[in-house]
N, C-alpha and C. Protein backbone atom coordinates (compact mmCIF):
# COMPACT_ATOMS: atom_id res chain seq x y z
N MET A 1 6.61 -18.12 0.48
CA MET A 1 5.76 -16.98 0.30
C MET A 1 4.96 -17.16 -0.99
N ARG A 2 3.75 -17.61 -0.80
CA ARG A 2 2.86 -17.97 -1.90
C ARG A 2 2.68 -16.86 -2.92
N TYR A 3 2.60 -15.61 -2.48
CA TYR A 3 2.31 -14.51 -3.40
C TYR A 3 3.40 -14.31 -4.43
N ILE A 4 4.63 -14.69 -4.13
CA ILE A 4 5.73 -14.56 -5.09
C ILE A 4 5.59 -15.60 -6.20
N GLN A 5 5.08 -16.77 -5.86
CA GLN A 5 4.97 -17.86 -6.81
C GLN A 5 3.76 -17.73 -7.72
N GLU A 6 2.82 -16.87 -7.39
CA GLU A 6 1.63 -16.70 -8.21
C GLU A 6 2.02 -16.09 -9.55
N THR A 7 1.68 -16.78 -10.62
CA THR A 7 2.03 -16.29 -11.94
C THR A 7 0.82 -15.79 -12.71
N GLU A 8 -0.36 -16.19 -12.30
CA GLU A 8 -1.58 -15.80 -13.00
C GLU A 8 -2.00 -14.40 -12.55
N LYS A 9 -2.08 -13.50 -13.50
CA LYS A 9 -2.50 -12.13 -13.21
C LYS A 9 -4.02 -12.05 -13.28
N PRO A 10 -4.63 -11.33 -12.33
CA PRO A 10 -6.09 -11.18 -12.41
C PRO A 10 -6.47 -10.31 -13.60
N SER A 11 -7.64 -10.61 -14.19
CA SER A 11 -8.11 -9.74 -15.26
C SER A 11 -8.89 -8.60 -14.62
N GLY A 12 -8.64 -7.41 -15.07
CA GLY A 12 -9.29 -6.24 -14.49
C GLY A 12 -8.35 -5.53 -13.54
N CYS A 13 -8.85 -4.48 -12.94
CA CYS A 13 -8.08 -3.64 -12.02
C CYS A 13 -7.93 -4.33 -10.67
N VAL A 14 -6.70 -4.55 -10.24
CA VAL A 14 -6.47 -5.24 -8.96
C VAL A 14 -7.04 -4.44 -7.79
N PHE A 15 -7.06 -3.12 -7.89
CA PHE A 15 -7.60 -2.31 -6.80
C PHE A 15 -9.13 -2.38 -6.75
N CYS A 16 -9.77 -2.42 -7.90
CA CYS A 16 -11.22 -2.59 -7.94
C CYS A 16 -11.61 -3.99 -7.45
N ILE A 17 -10.83 -4.99 -7.82
CA ILE A 17 -11.08 -6.36 -7.37
C ILE A 17 -10.96 -6.42 -5.85
N ALA A 18 -9.88 -5.85 -5.30
CA ALA A 18 -9.68 -5.85 -3.84
C ALA A 18 -10.82 -5.13 -3.13
N ALA A 19 -11.29 -4.04 -3.72
CA ALA A 19 -12.39 -3.28 -3.11
C ALA A 19 -13.69 -4.07 -3.11
N ASP A 20 -13.91 -4.87 -4.14
CA ASP A 20 -15.16 -5.62 -4.28
C ASP A 20 -15.17 -6.95 -3.55
N GLU A 21 -14.01 -7.54 -3.32
CA GLU A 21 -13.92 -8.85 -2.67
C GLU A 21 -14.27 -8.73 -1.19
N GLU A 22 -14.73 -9.82 -0.62
CA GLU A 22 -15.08 -9.82 0.81
C GLU A 22 -13.98 -10.41 1.68
N ASN A 23 -13.04 -11.15 1.10
CA ASN A 23 -11.98 -11.77 1.89
C ASN A 23 -10.82 -10.78 2.03
N ASP A 24 -10.90 -9.91 3.04
CA ASP A 24 -9.90 -8.86 3.21
C ASP A 24 -8.49 -9.41 3.42
N ALA A 25 -8.34 -10.47 4.20
CA ALA A 25 -7.01 -11.02 4.45
C ALA A 25 -6.37 -11.51 3.16
N GLU A 26 -7.13 -12.17 2.33
CA GLU A 26 -6.61 -12.66 1.05
C GLU A 26 -6.24 -11.50 0.12
N GLN A 27 -7.02 -10.45 0.16
CA GLN A 27 -6.76 -9.27 -0.67
C GLN A 27 -5.76 -8.31 -0.04
N LEU A 28 -5.39 -8.57 1.23
CA LEU A 28 -4.45 -7.74 2.00
C LEU A 28 -5.03 -6.38 2.39
N VAL A 29 -6.35 -6.26 2.38
CA VAL A 29 -7.03 -5.04 2.82
C VAL A 29 -7.13 -5.09 4.35
N PHE A 30 -6.58 -4.07 5.02
CA PHE A 30 -6.63 -4.08 6.48
C PHE A 30 -7.53 -3.00 7.06
N PHE A 31 -8.07 -2.12 6.23
CA PHE A 31 -9.05 -1.14 6.71
C PHE A 31 -9.89 -0.67 5.53
N ARG A 32 -11.19 -0.51 5.78
CA ARG A 32 -12.12 0.03 4.78
C ARG A 32 -12.76 1.30 5.35
N GLY A 33 -12.54 2.41 4.67
CA GLY A 33 -13.16 3.66 5.05
C GLY A 33 -14.38 3.93 4.19
N LYS A 34 -14.86 5.15 4.25
CA LYS A 34 -16.06 5.53 3.50
C LYS A 34 -15.77 5.65 2.00
N THR A 35 -14.66 6.29 1.63
CA THR A 35 -14.36 6.54 0.21
C THR A 35 -13.02 5.93 -0.23
N ALA A 36 -12.27 5.37 0.72
CA ALA A 36 -10.96 4.80 0.41
C ALA A 36 -10.65 3.66 1.38
N TYR A 37 -9.71 2.83 1.01
CA TYR A 37 -9.32 1.71 1.87
C TYR A 37 -7.80 1.60 1.93
N MET A 38 -7.33 0.84 2.92
CA MET A 38 -5.90 0.62 3.12
C MET A 38 -5.56 -0.82 2.78
N ILE A 39 -4.45 -0.99 2.07
CA ILE A 39 -4.05 -2.31 1.60
C ILE A 39 -2.53 -2.43 1.65
N LEU A 40 -2.04 -3.63 1.94
CA LEU A 40 -0.60 -3.88 1.83
C LEU A 40 -0.23 -3.98 0.37
N ASN A 41 0.95 -3.51 0.04
CA ASN A 41 1.47 -3.70 -1.31
C ASN A 41 1.89 -5.17 -1.43
N ARG A 42 1.37 -5.86 -2.42
CA ARG A 42 1.67 -7.28 -2.60
C ARG A 42 3.14 -7.51 -3.00
N TYR A 43 3.77 -6.48 -3.57
CA TYR A 43 5.17 -6.56 -3.96
C TYR A 43 5.92 -5.39 -3.32
N PRO A 44 6.08 -5.43 -1.99
CA PRO A 44 6.58 -4.26 -1.25
C PRO A 44 8.06 -3.99 -1.46
N TYR A 45 8.41 -2.71 -1.32
CA TYR A 45 9.82 -2.31 -1.31
C TYR A 45 10.44 -2.58 0.04
N THR A 46 9.65 -2.42 1.11
CA THR A 46 10.11 -2.69 2.47
C THR A 46 8.96 -3.30 3.25
N SER A 47 9.25 -3.88 4.39
CA SER A 47 8.18 -4.35 5.27
C SER A 47 7.35 -3.15 5.70
N GLY A 48 6.06 -3.31 5.71
CA GLY A 48 5.18 -2.22 6.10
C GLY A 48 4.79 -1.30 4.96
N HIS A 49 5.15 -1.64 3.72
CA HIS A 49 4.77 -0.83 2.55
C HIS A 49 3.28 -1.01 2.33
N VAL A 50 2.53 0.06 2.61
CA VAL A 50 1.08 0.02 2.46
C VAL A 50 0.64 1.07 1.45
N MET A 51 -0.63 0.98 1.06
CA MET A 51 -1.18 1.94 0.11
C MET A 51 -2.58 2.34 0.54
N CYS A 52 -2.92 3.58 0.25
CA CYS A 52 -4.27 4.08 0.45
C CYS A 52 -4.89 4.21 -0.94
N VAL A 53 -6.04 3.57 -1.13
CA VAL A 53 -6.65 3.48 -2.46
C VAL A 53 -8.08 3.98 -2.41
N PRO A 54 -8.45 4.91 -3.28
CA PRO A 54 -9.86 5.31 -3.33
C PRO A 54 -10.68 4.19 -3.98
N TYR A 55 -11.92 4.06 -3.57
CA TYR A 55 -12.80 3.09 -4.22
C TYR A 55 -13.05 3.49 -5.67
N ALA A 56 -13.08 4.78 -5.94
CA ALA A 56 -13.34 5.27 -7.29
C ALA A 56 -12.15 4.96 -8.20
N HIS A 57 -12.43 4.40 -9.34
CA HIS A 57 -11.40 4.05 -10.33
C HIS A 57 -11.08 5.30 -11.15
N LYS A 58 -10.11 6.07 -10.65
CA LYS A 58 -9.71 7.32 -11.30
C LYS A 58 -8.20 7.36 -11.40
N SER A 59 -7.70 7.96 -12.47
CA SER A 59 -6.25 8.08 -12.65
C SER A 59 -5.75 9.47 -12.28
N ARG A 60 -6.67 10.43 -12.17
CA ARG A 60 -6.27 11.81 -11.89
C ARG A 60 -6.81 12.25 -10.54
N LEU A 61 -5.94 12.82 -9.75
CA LEU A 61 -6.31 13.28 -8.41
C LEU A 61 -7.46 14.28 -8.47
N GLN A 62 -7.43 15.17 -9.43
CA GLN A 62 -8.47 16.19 -9.54
C GLN A 62 -9.84 15.62 -9.92
N ASP A 63 -9.88 14.36 -10.35
CA ASP A 63 -11.17 13.73 -10.67
C ASP A 63 -11.84 13.10 -9.46
N LEU A 64 -11.16 13.08 -8.33
CA LEU A 64 -11.74 12.54 -7.10
C LEU A 64 -12.51 13.63 -6.37
N PRO A 65 -13.64 13.30 -5.77
CA PRO A 65 -14.36 14.29 -4.96
C PRO A 65 -13.49 14.75 -3.78
N ARG A 66 -13.76 15.95 -3.31
CA ARG A 66 -12.98 16.54 -2.22
C ARG A 66 -12.98 15.64 -0.99
N ASP A 67 -14.13 15.04 -0.62
CA ASP A 67 -14.18 14.20 0.57
C ASP A 67 -13.28 12.97 0.43
N THR A 68 -13.11 12.47 -0.78
CA THR A 68 -12.20 11.34 -1.01
C THR A 68 -10.75 11.79 -0.84
N ARG A 69 -10.40 12.93 -1.39
CA ARG A 69 -9.03 13.44 -1.24
C ARG A 69 -8.71 13.68 0.23
N ILE A 70 -9.67 14.19 0.98
CA ILE A 70 -9.46 14.43 2.41
C ILE A 70 -9.27 13.11 3.15
N GLU A 71 -10.12 12.12 2.85
CA GLU A 71 -9.99 10.83 3.53
C GLU A 71 -8.66 10.17 3.20
N ILE A 72 -8.21 10.26 1.96
CA ILE A 72 -6.91 9.68 1.59
C ILE A 72 -5.80 10.29 2.44
N MET A 73 -5.82 11.60 2.62
CA MET A 73 -4.77 12.24 3.43
C MET A 73 -4.90 11.87 4.90
N ASP A 74 -6.12 11.78 5.42
CA ASP A 74 -6.31 11.37 6.81
C ASP A 74 -5.82 9.94 7.04
N LEU A 75 -6.15 9.03 6.13
CA LEU A 75 -5.71 7.64 6.26
C LEU A 75 -4.19 7.53 6.10
N THR A 76 -3.63 8.31 5.20
CA THR A 76 -2.19 8.32 5.01
C THR A 76 -1.49 8.79 6.28
N SER A 77 -2.00 9.83 6.89
CA SER A 77 -1.43 10.34 8.13
C SER A 77 -1.48 9.29 9.23
N LYS A 78 -2.61 8.61 9.36
CA LYS A 78 -2.73 7.54 10.36
C LYS A 78 -1.76 6.41 10.05
N ALA A 79 -1.61 6.07 8.78
CA ALA A 79 -0.70 4.99 8.40
C ALA A 79 0.73 5.31 8.82
N VAL A 80 1.16 6.55 8.62
CA VAL A 80 2.51 6.94 9.03
C VAL A 80 2.67 6.76 10.54
N GLU A 81 1.68 7.17 11.31
CA GLU A 81 1.75 7.04 12.77
C GLU A 81 1.75 5.57 13.20
N VAL A 82 0.88 4.76 12.60
CA VAL A 82 0.82 3.34 12.95
C VAL A 82 2.13 2.65 12.60
N LEU A 83 2.64 2.90 11.40
CA LEU A 83 3.88 2.24 10.98
C LEU A 83 5.09 2.74 11.78
N GLN A 84 5.06 4.01 12.18
CA GLN A 84 6.15 4.53 13.02
C GLN A 84 6.20 3.77 14.34
N GLY A 85 5.05 3.56 14.95
CA GLY A 85 5.01 2.81 16.20
C GLY A 85 5.35 1.35 16.04
N LEU A 86 4.98 0.77 14.92
CA LEU A 86 5.17 -0.66 14.70
C LEU A 86 6.58 -1.02 14.26
N TYR A 87 7.13 -0.26 13.32
CA TYR A 87 8.43 -0.62 12.71
C TYR A 87 9.59 0.29 13.11
N LYS A 88 9.30 1.43 13.71
CA LYS A 88 10.34 2.38 14.13
C LYS A 88 11.28 2.77 12.98
N PRO A 89 10.73 3.14 11.80
CA PRO A 89 11.61 3.53 10.69
C PRO A 89 12.25 4.90 10.95
N ASP A 90 13.30 5.19 10.20
CA ASP A 90 13.98 6.48 10.29
C ASP A 90 13.27 7.55 9.45
N GLY A 91 12.42 7.14 8.55
CA GLY A 91 11.70 8.07 7.70
C GLY A 91 10.69 7.32 6.84
N PHE A 92 10.06 8.06 5.93
CA PHE A 92 9.04 7.48 5.04
C PHE A 92 9.15 8.08 3.65
N ASN A 93 8.84 7.30 2.65
CA ASN A 93 8.50 7.81 1.32
C ASN A 93 6.97 7.74 1.26
N VAL A 94 6.33 8.87 0.98
CA VAL A 94 4.88 8.94 0.88
C VAL A 94 4.56 9.67 -0.41
N GLY A 95 3.74 9.06 -1.26
CA GLY A 95 3.39 9.77 -2.47
C GLY A 95 2.60 8.99 -3.48
N LEU A 96 2.23 9.72 -4.53
CA LEU A 96 1.47 9.20 -5.66
C LEU A 96 2.38 9.17 -6.88
N ASN A 97 2.30 8.13 -7.67
CA ASN A 97 2.95 8.09 -8.98
C ASN A 97 1.82 8.23 -9.99
N LEU A 98 1.64 9.43 -10.51
CA LEU A 98 0.53 9.71 -11.41
C LEU A 98 0.99 9.58 -12.86
N GLY A 99 0.55 8.53 -13.51
CA GLY A 99 0.94 8.25 -14.89
C GLY A 99 2.05 7.22 -14.97
N GLU A 100 2.04 6.48 -16.04
CA GLU A 100 3.01 5.41 -16.25
C GLU A 100 4.45 5.93 -16.26
N VAL A 101 4.69 7.07 -16.93
CA VAL A 101 6.05 7.60 -16.99
C VAL A 101 6.54 8.11 -15.64
N ALA A 102 5.61 8.34 -14.71
CA ALA A 102 5.97 8.77 -13.36
C ALA A 102 6.23 7.58 -12.44
N GLY A 103 6.11 6.37 -12.97
CA GLY A 103 6.40 5.17 -12.19
C GLY A 103 5.19 4.41 -11.71
N ALA A 104 4.00 4.81 -12.12
CA ALA A 104 2.79 4.11 -11.68
C ALA A 104 2.72 2.73 -12.32
N GLY A 105 2.74 1.70 -11.49
CA GLY A 105 2.58 0.34 -11.99
C GLY A 105 1.15 0.08 -12.43
N ILE A 106 0.22 0.75 -11.77
CA ILE A 106 -1.20 0.66 -12.12
C ILE A 106 -1.67 2.10 -12.28
N ALA A 107 -1.48 2.64 -13.46
CA ALA A 107 -1.73 4.06 -13.72
C ALA A 107 -3.21 4.41 -13.77
N ALA A 108 -4.06 3.46 -14.11
CA ALA A 108 -5.48 3.76 -14.29
C ALA A 108 -6.22 3.98 -12.98
N HIS A 109 -5.66 3.52 -11.85
CA HIS A 109 -6.33 3.65 -10.55
C HIS A 109 -5.31 4.20 -9.57
N LEU A 110 -5.38 5.50 -9.32
CA LEU A 110 -4.36 6.12 -8.47
C LEU A 110 -4.39 5.54 -7.06
N HIS A 111 -3.24 5.59 -6.40
CA HIS A 111 -3.09 5.06 -5.06
C HIS A 111 -1.89 5.73 -4.40
N MET A 112 -2.01 5.98 -3.10
CA MET A 112 -0.97 6.62 -2.31
C MET A 112 -0.10 5.56 -1.65
N HIS A 113 1.21 5.65 -1.90
CA HIS A 113 2.17 4.74 -1.26
C HIS A 113 2.65 5.32 0.05
N ILE A 114 2.76 4.48 1.07
CA ILE A 114 3.37 4.84 2.34
C ILE A 114 4.44 3.77 2.59
N VAL A 115 5.72 4.18 2.49
CA VAL A 115 6.83 3.23 2.53
C VAL A 115 7.78 3.59 3.67
N PRO A 116 7.85 2.75 4.71
CA PRO A 116 8.83 3.00 5.77
C PRO A 116 10.26 2.87 5.22
N ARG A 117 11.17 3.72 5.74
CA ARG A 117 12.58 3.68 5.30
C ARG A 117 13.49 3.73 6.51
N TRP A 118 14.63 3.07 6.40
CA TRP A 118 15.63 3.04 7.45
C TRP A 118 16.97 3.47 6.88
N ALA A 119 17.78 4.12 7.69
CA ALA A 119 19.14 4.45 7.27
C ALA A 119 19.84 3.14 6.94
N GLY A 120 20.42 3.06 5.76
CA GLY A 120 21.12 1.85 5.34
C GLY A 120 20.22 0.70 4.93
N ASP A 121 18.93 0.98 4.64
CA ASP A 121 18.06 -0.12 4.24
C ASP A 121 18.48 -0.64 2.87
N THR A 122 17.84 -1.67 2.41
CA THR A 122 18.28 -2.38 1.21
C THR A 122 17.58 -1.94 -0.06
N ASN A 123 17.03 -0.74 -0.10
CA ASN A 123 16.30 -0.29 -1.28
C ASN A 123 17.17 -0.32 -2.55
N PHE A 124 18.48 -0.18 -2.39
CA PHE A 124 19.37 -0.23 -3.55
C PHE A 124 19.29 -1.58 -4.26
N MET A 125 18.89 -2.63 -3.54
CA MET A 125 18.81 -3.96 -4.15
C MET A 125 17.80 -3.98 -5.30
N SER A 126 16.72 -3.20 -5.18
CA SER A 126 15.71 -3.18 -6.23
C SER A 126 16.27 -2.65 -7.53
N SER A 127 17.09 -1.61 -7.47
CA SER A 127 17.61 -1.01 -8.69
C SER A 127 18.89 -1.68 -9.17
N VAL A 128 19.73 -2.14 -8.26
CA VAL A 128 21.01 -2.73 -8.65
C VAL A 128 20.87 -4.23 -8.91
N GLY A 129 20.25 -4.93 -7.98
CA GLY A 129 20.16 -6.38 -8.06
C GLY A 129 18.86 -6.90 -8.61
N HIS A 130 17.92 -6.00 -8.93
CA HIS A 130 16.61 -6.39 -9.45
C HIS A 130 15.94 -7.43 -8.55
N THR A 131 16.09 -7.22 -7.25
CA THR A 131 15.48 -8.11 -6.27
C THR A 131 15.11 -7.28 -5.04
N ARG A 132 14.28 -7.84 -4.19
CA ARG A 132 13.88 -7.15 -2.96
C ARG A 132 14.21 -8.03 -1.77
N VAL A 133 14.60 -7.39 -0.69
CA VAL A 133 14.95 -8.09 0.54
C VAL A 133 13.95 -7.69 1.61
N LEU A 134 13.20 -8.67 2.12
CA LEU A 134 12.20 -8.39 3.15
C LEU A 134 12.45 -9.28 4.35
N PRO A 135 12.47 -8.69 5.57
CA PRO A 135 12.76 -9.49 6.75
C PRO A 135 11.58 -10.27 7.31
N GLU A 136 10.38 -10.11 6.75
CA GLU A 136 9.24 -10.86 7.25
C GLU A 136 8.31 -11.23 6.10
N ALA A 137 7.58 -12.32 6.29
CA ALA A 137 6.63 -12.78 5.28
C ALA A 137 5.46 -11.81 5.20
N LEU A 138 4.89 -11.69 4.01
CA LEU A 138 3.77 -10.77 3.78
C LEU A 138 2.58 -11.07 4.70
N GLU A 139 2.34 -12.34 4.96
CA GLU A 139 1.24 -12.72 5.85
C GLU A 139 1.47 -12.19 7.26
N ASP A 140 2.73 -12.22 7.73
CA ASP A 140 3.07 -11.69 9.05
C ASP A 140 2.92 -10.17 9.07
N THR A 141 3.35 -9.51 8.00
CA THR A 141 3.19 -8.06 7.90
C THR A 141 1.72 -7.70 7.98
N TYR A 142 0.87 -8.41 7.24
CA TYR A 142 -0.57 -8.13 7.25
C TYR A 142 -1.13 -8.24 8.67
N ARG A 143 -0.82 -9.32 9.34
CA ARG A 143 -1.33 -9.53 10.70
C ARG A 143 -0.87 -8.42 11.64
N ARG A 144 0.40 -8.07 11.58
CA ARG A 144 0.95 -7.04 12.47
C ARG A 144 0.36 -5.66 12.18
N VAL A 145 0.28 -5.30 10.89
CA VAL A 145 -0.23 -3.98 10.52
C VAL A 145 -1.72 -3.88 10.87
N LYS A 146 -2.50 -4.90 10.56
CA LYS A 146 -3.93 -4.86 10.87
C LYS A 146 -4.15 -4.72 12.37
N GLU A 147 -3.45 -5.49 13.17
CA GLU A 147 -3.59 -5.40 14.61
C GLU A 147 -3.20 -4.02 15.13
N ALA A 148 -2.09 -3.47 14.64
CA ALA A 148 -1.65 -2.15 15.08
C ALA A 148 -2.66 -1.07 14.65
N TRP A 149 -3.18 -1.20 13.42
CA TRP A 149 -4.16 -0.24 12.92
C TRP A 149 -5.43 -0.27 13.77
N ASP A 150 -5.91 -1.48 14.04
CA ASP A 150 -7.17 -1.65 14.78
C ASP A 150 -7.07 -1.18 16.23
N THR A 151 -5.88 -1.18 16.80
CA THR A 151 -5.73 -0.78 18.21
C THR A 151 -5.15 0.62 18.38
N PHE A 152 -4.89 1.32 17.26
CA PHE A 152 -4.31 2.66 17.32
C PHE A 152 -5.32 3.67 17.86
N ASP A 153 -4.85 4.53 18.75
CA ASP A 153 -5.75 5.58 19.31
C ASP A 153 -5.63 6.85 18.54
């Protein structure tokens, strides 16, 4: 899994870079909307961990225009439905970490996490073992999620 071995961090905001780049597969962007886009988390907690990101580089929800906030919720809702059909999870963690102390890894550019969860999943490994357990390669997740998203009614 090449993405784990990458040690060079990009300069600048990774979400702005992903929004501006044209190679969606390389950036893990699987859908582009009018004011926000959908992207796989490069360091997921579980398979199917995706994020909805506004194009606008804002850290505060209230600084986004209303149409952007609406699109984020609409895309988040679709993501839950697509991932439910694809992975059959028992539940989801969905939310924003606003601010560094709230757990935001990239606090300057807010983003909505959509994380499938299963009864007895291995999320405890992140906090106890400082490692993550994923049953599929990120490239396979991208292909599966993009295909499911593109064919969802």
